[in-house]
Amino acid sequence: MKDHQANYKDYEKTQEPKRPLLKNCLKAFLIGGLICVIGQVISTIYMYFFDFTEQTVGNPTVATLIFITMLLTGFGVYDRIAQFAGAGTAVPVTGFGNAVISAAIEHRTEGFVQGVGGNMFKLAGSVILFGVFSAFIVAFIKTIFSYWSGA
């Protein structure tokens, strides 16, 4: 029996198509980098036209990127970009926006409360939970160190 399983696994390996690993990594790097460049352009526009500082521009930039991602996901454009770029679209904050809106779109036929509201944060909920928890731990450690240093 084990001999048949080993033979089958060997056969599977010969039939499996080779993945273009370098090409996929390059596409993910370029598209992820392009998303980051777009974020930098948005930050610069906010600082130049809306009088934000380097310390305060982060939140509106992230919110804008998430909003743009949600619009593109709603129109089906972001899915095509993600199909091309792979992980390049999942790593930046745009992956979060896509995860939230995709779940909402998928469950909209079940109604706004139980469908959209109940399922919107299923995938993104763990990201939010661990993000808030990590921020709490970091703030707690920073507070302890600030207290000990007398600052």
C-alpha atoms as a PDB file:
ATOM      1  CA  MET A   1       0.000   0.000   0.000  1.00  0.00           C
ATOM      2  CA  LYS A   2       2.793   2.432   0.909  1.00  0.00           C
ATOM      3  CA  ASP A   3       4.555   1.617  -2.353  1.00  0.00           C
ATOM      4  CA  HIS A   4       1.435   2.650  -4.312  1.00  0.00           C
ATOM      5  CA  GLN A   5       1.212   5.937  -2.390  1.00  0.00           C
ATOM      6  CA  ALA A   6       4.868   6.715  -3.057  1.00  0.00           C
ATOM      7  CA  ASN A   7       4.428   5.904  -6.738  1.00  0.00           C
ATOM      8  CA  TYR A   8       1.348   8.079  -6.933  1.00  0.00           C
ATOM      9  CA  LYS A   9       3.142  11.005  -5.266  1.00  0.00           C
ATOM     10  CA  ASP A  10       6.007  10.646  -7.738  1.00  0.00           C
ATOM     11  CA  TYR A  11       3.508  10.569 -10.595  1.00  0.00           C
ATOM     12  CA  GLU A  12       1.774  13.664  -9.175  1.00  0.00           C
ATOM     13  CA  LYS A  13       5.063  15.563  -9.124  1.00  0.00           C
ATOM     14  CA  THR A  14       5.731  14.760 -12.770  1.00  0.00           C
ATOM     15  CA  GLN A  15       2.238  15.902 -13.842  1.00  0.00           C
ATOM     16  CA  GLU A  16       2.115  19.090 -11.765  1.00  0.00           C
ATOM     17  CA  PRO A  17       2.784  22.177 -13.874  1.00  0.00           C
ATOM     18  CA  LYS A  18       5.857  24.160 -12.932  1.00  0.00           C
ATOM     19  CA  ARG A  19       5.025  27.469 -11.327  1.00  0.00           C
ATOM     20  CA  PRO A  20       6.860  30.536 -12.577  1.00  0.00           C
ATOM     21  CA  LEU A  21       8.066  31.502  -9.100  1.00  0.00           C
ATOM     22  CA  LEU A  22      10.384  34.316 -10.149  1.00  0.00           C
ATOM     23  CA  LYS A  23       7.758  35.819 -12.459  1.00  0.00           C
ATOM     24  CA  ASN A  24       5.081  35.648  -9.738  1.00  0.00           C
ATOM     25  CA  CYS A  25       7.394  37.253  -7.168  1.00  0.00           C
ATOM     26  CA  LEU A  26       8.320  40.010  -9.590  1.00  0.00           C
ATOM     27  CA  LYS A  27       4.660  40.772 -10.395  1.00  0.00           C
ATOM     28  CA  ALA A  28       3.758  40.815  -6.697  1.00  0.00           C
ATOM     29  CA  PHE A  29       6.693  43.097  -5.923  1.00  0.00           C
ATOM     30  CA  LEU A  30       5.876  45.518  -8.734  1.00  0.00           C
ATOM     31  CA  ILE A  31       2.134  45.771  -8.065  1.00  0.00           C
ATOM     32  CA  GLY A  32       2.624  45.952  -4.290  1.00  0.00           C
ATOM     33  CA  GLY A  33       5.220  48.658  -4.865  1.00  0.00           C
ATOM     34  CA  LEU A  34       2.864  50.502  -7.207  1.00  0.00           C
ATOM     35  CA  ILE A  35       0.173  50.462  -4.526  1.00  0.00           C
ATOM     36  CA  CYS A  36       2.690  51.910  -2.072  1.00  0.00           C
ATOM     37  CA  VAL A  37       3.682  54.601  -4.592  1.00  0.00           C
ATOM     38  CA  ILE A  38       0.008  55.523  -5.000  1.00  0.00           C
ATOM     39  CA  GLY A  39      -0.232  55.753  -1.208  1.00  0.00           C
ATOM     40  CA  GLN A  40       2.792  58.048  -1.145  1.00  0.00           C
ATOM     41  CA  VAL A  41       1.251  60.267  -3.829  1.00  0.00           C
ATOM     42  CA  ILE A  42      -1.964  60.493  -1.806  1.00  0.00           C
ATOM     43  CA  SER A  43       0.073  61.398   1.306  1.00  0.00           C
ATOM     44  CA  THR A  44       1.918  64.110  -0.584  1.00  0.00           C
ATOM     45  CA  ILE A  45      -1.339  65.548  -1.929  1.00  0.00           C
ATOM     46  CA  TYR A  46      -2.817  65.622   1.582  1.00  0.00           C
ATOM     47  CA  MET A  47       0.271  67.336   2.975  1.00  0.00           C
ATOM     48  CA  TYR A  48       0.501  69.871   0.148  1.00  0.00           C
ATOM     49  CA  PHE A  49      -3.168  70.770  -0.342  1.00  0.00           C
ATOM     50  CA  PHE A  50      -4.805  69.973   3.002  1.00  0.00           C
ATOM     51  CA  ASP A  51      -2.150  71.069   5.483  1.00  0.00           C
ATOM     52  CA  PHE A  52      -1.483  67.679   7.077  1.00  0.00           C
ATOM     53  CA  THR A  53       1.890  66.985   8.649  1.00  0.00           C
ATOM     54  CA  GLU A  54       4.019  63.855   8.316  1.00  0.00           C
ATOM     55  CA  GLN A  55       2.692  62.750  11.701  1.00  0.00           C
ATOM     56  CA  THR A  56      -0.993  63.262  10.851  1.00  0.00           C
ATOM     57  CA  VAL A  57      -1.177  62.238   7.188  1.00  0.00           C
ATOM     58  CA  GLY A  58      -1.092  58.469   7.784  1.00  0.00           C
ATOM     59  CA  ASN A  59      -4.696  57.917   8.848  1.00  0.00           C
ATOM     60  CA  PRO A  60      -6.396  59.778   5.985  1.00  0.00           C
ATOM     61  CA  THR A  61      -4.034  58.143   3.488  1.00  0.00           C
ATOM     62  CA  VAL A  62      -4.869  54.652   4.747  1.00  0.00           C
ATOM     63  CA  ALA A  63      -8.582  55.468   4.760  1.00  0.00           C
ATOM     64  CA  THR A  64      -8.348  56.740   1.181  1.00  0.00           C
ATOM     65  CA  LEU A  65      -6.498  53.634   0.008  1.00  0.00           C
ATOM     66  CA  ILE A  66      -9.101  51.396   1.655  1.00  0.00           C
ATOM     67  CA  PHE A  67     -11.928  53.442   0.095  1.00  0.00           C
ATOM     68  CA  ILE A  68     -10.355  53.219  -3.386  1.00  0.00           C
ATOM     69  CA  THR A  69      -9.877  49.472  -2.932  1.00  0.00           C
ATOM     70  CA  MET A  70     -13.492  49.043  -1.906  1.00  0.00           C
ATOM     71  CA  LEU A  71     -14.673  50.952  -4.983  1.00  0.00           C
ATOM     72  CA  LEU A  72     -12.422  48.918  -7.279  1.00  0.00           C
ATOM     73  CA  THR A  73     -13.596  45.686  -5.637  1.00  0.00           C
ATOM     74  CA  GLY A  74     -17.235  46.716  -6.046  1.00  0.00           C
ATOM     75  CA  PHE A  75     -16.700  47.305  -9.758  1.00  0.00           C
ATOM     76  CA  GLY A  76     -14.748  44.043 -10.152  1.00  0.00           C
ATOM     77  CA  VAL A  77     -11.474  45.746 -11.110  1.00  0.00           C
ATOM     78  CA  TYR A  78      -9.516  44.864  -7.975  1.00  0.00           C
ATOM     79  CA  ASP A  79     -10.145  41.150  -8.486  1.00  0.00           C
ATOM     80  CA  ARG A  80      -8.518  41.312 -11.919  1.00  0.00           C
ATOM     81  CA  ILE A  81      -5.552  43.202 -10.471  1.00  0.00           C
ATOM     82  CA  ALA A  82      -5.267  40.610  -7.684  1.00  0.00           C
ATOM     83  CA  GLN A  83      -5.475  37.771 -10.213  1.00  0.00           C
ATOM     84  CA  PHE A  84      -2.483  39.264 -12.026  1.00  0.00           C
ATOM     85  CA  ALA A  85      -0.413  40.353  -9.018  1.00  0.00           C
ATOM     86  CA  GLY A  86      -1.184  37.635  -6.482  1.00  0.00           C
ATOM     87  CA  ALA A  87       0.189  38.448  -3.037  1.00  0.00           C
ATOM     88  CA  GLY A  88       1.215  41.926  -4.174  1.00  0.00           C
ATOM     89  CA  THR A  89      -2.346  43.110  -3.559  1.00  0.00           C
ATOM     90  CA  ALA A  90      -2.887  41.217  -0.324  1.00  0.00           C
ATOM     91  CA  VAL A  91       0.048  42.513   1.678  1.00  0.00           C
ATOM     92  CA  PRO A  92      -0.646  46.279   1.731  1.00  0.00           C
ATOM     93  CA  VAL A  93      -3.627  47.741   3.532  1.00  0.00           C
ATOM     94  CA  THR A  94      -5.616  47.380   0.333  1.00  0.00           C
ATOM     95  CA  GLY A  95      -5.906  43.656   1.015  1.00  0.00           C
ATOM     96  CA  PHE A  96      -7.842  44.517   4.171  1.00  0.00           C
ATOM     97  CA  GLY A  97     -10.291  46.710   2.258  1.00  0.00           C
ATOM     98  CA  ASN A  98     -10.754  44.004  -0.343  1.00  0.00           C
ATOM     99  CA  ALA A  99     -11.433  41.353   2.313  1.00  0.00           C
ATOM    100  CA  VAL A 100     -14.086  43.473   4.014  1.00  0.00           C
ATOM    101  CA  ILE A 101     -15.978  44.522   0.919  1.00  0.00           C
ATOM    102  CA  SER A 102     -15.755  41.104  -0.771  1.00  0.00           C
ATOM    103  CA  ALA A 103     -17.512  39.469   2.187  1.00  0.00           C
ATOM    104  CA  ALA A 104     -20.153  42.215   2.179  1.00  0.00           C
ATOM    105  CA  ILE A 105     -20.791  41.808  -1.547  1.00  0.00           C
ATOM    106  CA  GLU A 106     -20.927  38.027  -1.294  1.00  0.00           C
ATOM    107  CA  HIS A 107     -23.588  38.054   1.442  1.00  0.00           C
ATOM    108  CA  ARG A 108     -25.695  41.038   0.315  1.00  0.00           C
ATOM    109  CA  THR A 109     -28.546  38.783  -0.830  1.00  0.00           C
ATOM    110  CA  GLU A 110     -29.093  37.709   2.784  1.00  0.00           C
ATOM    111  CA  GLY A 111     -30.010  41.262   3.804  1.00  0.00           C
ATOM    112  CA  PHE A 112     -28.194  44.182   5.303  1.00  0.00           C
ATOM    113  CA  VAL A 113     -28.201  43.029   8.932  1.00  0.00           C
ATOM    114  CA  GLN A 114     -27.604  39.284   8.789  1.00  0.00           C
ATOM    115  CA  GLY A 115     -25.936  39.239   5.392  1.00  0.00           C
ATOM    116  CA  VAL A 116     -23.731  42.298   5.059  1.00  0.00           C
ATOM    117  CA  GLY A 117     -23.454  43.255   8.734  1.00  0.00           C
ATOM    118  CA  GLY A 118     -23.047  39.712  10.011  1.00  0.00           C
ATOM    119  CA  ASN A 119     -20.472  38.577   7.487  1.00  0.00           C
ATOM    120  CA  MET A 120     -18.598  41.751   6.613  1.00  0.00           C
ATOM    121  CA  PHE A 121     -15.880  41.311   9.207  1.00  0.00           C
ATOM    122  CA  LYS A 122     -15.598  37.512   9.283  1.00  0.00           C
ATOM    123  CA  LEU A 123     -12.274  37.466   7.488  1.00  0.00           C
ATOM    124  CA  ALA A 124     -11.112  40.921   8.536  1.00  0.00           C
ATOM    125  CA  GLY A 125     -12.304  40.515  12.125  1.00  0.00           C
ATOM    126  CA  SER A 126      -9.243  38.532  13.153  1.00  0.00           C
ATOM    127  CA  VAL A 127      -7.011  41.213  11.613  1.00  0.00           C
ATOM    128  CA  ILE A 128      -8.827  43.902  13.591  1.00  0.00           C
ATOM    129  CA  LEU A 129      -8.754  41.847  16.789  1.00  0.00           C
ATOM    130  CA  PHE A 130      -5.040  41.071  16.665  1.00  0.00           C
ATOM    131  CA  GLY A 131      -4.232  44.607  15.523  1.00  0.00           C
ATOM    132  CA  VAL A 132      -6.049  46.155  18.473  1.00  0.00           C
ATOM    133  CA  PHE A 133      -4.598  43.611  20.903  1.00  0.00           C
ATOM    134  CA  SER A 134      -1.053  44.167  19.588  1.00  0.00           C
ATOM    135  CA  ALA A 135      -1.506  47.941  19.830  1.00  0.00           C
ATOM    136  CA  PHE A 136      -2.651  47.522  23.440  1.00  0.00           C
ATOM    137  CA  ILE A 137       0.396  45.412  24.338  1.00  0.00           C
ATOM    138  CA  VAL A 138       2.810  47.841  22.657  1.00  0.00           C
ATOM    139  CA  ALA A 139       1.170  50.836  24.349  1.00  0.00           C
ATOM    140  CA  PHE A 140       1.291  49.041  27.700  1.00  0.00           C
ATOM    141  CA  ILE A 141       4.999  48.250  27.320  1.00  0.00           C
ATOM    142  CA  LYS A 142       5.721  51.820  26.200  1.00  0.00           C
ATOM    143  CA  THR A 143       3.835  53.180  29.216  1.00  0.00           C
ATOM    144  CA  ILE A 144       5.821  50.974  31.585  1.00  0.00           C
ATOM    145  CA  PHE A 145       9.140  52.033  30.044  1.00  0.00           C
ATOM    146  CA  SER A 146       8.079  55.714  30.109  1.00  0.00           C
ATOM    147  CA  TYR A 147       7.118  55.390  33.759  1.00  0.00           C
ATOM    148  CA  TRP A 148      10.412  53.708  34.693  1.00  0.00           C
ATOM    149  CA  SER A 149      12.519  56.201  32.778  1.00  0.00           C
ATOM    150  CA  GLY A 150      10.728  59.118  34.428  1.00  0.00           C
ATOM    151  CA  ALA A 151       9.794  60.750  31.115  1.00  0.00           C
END
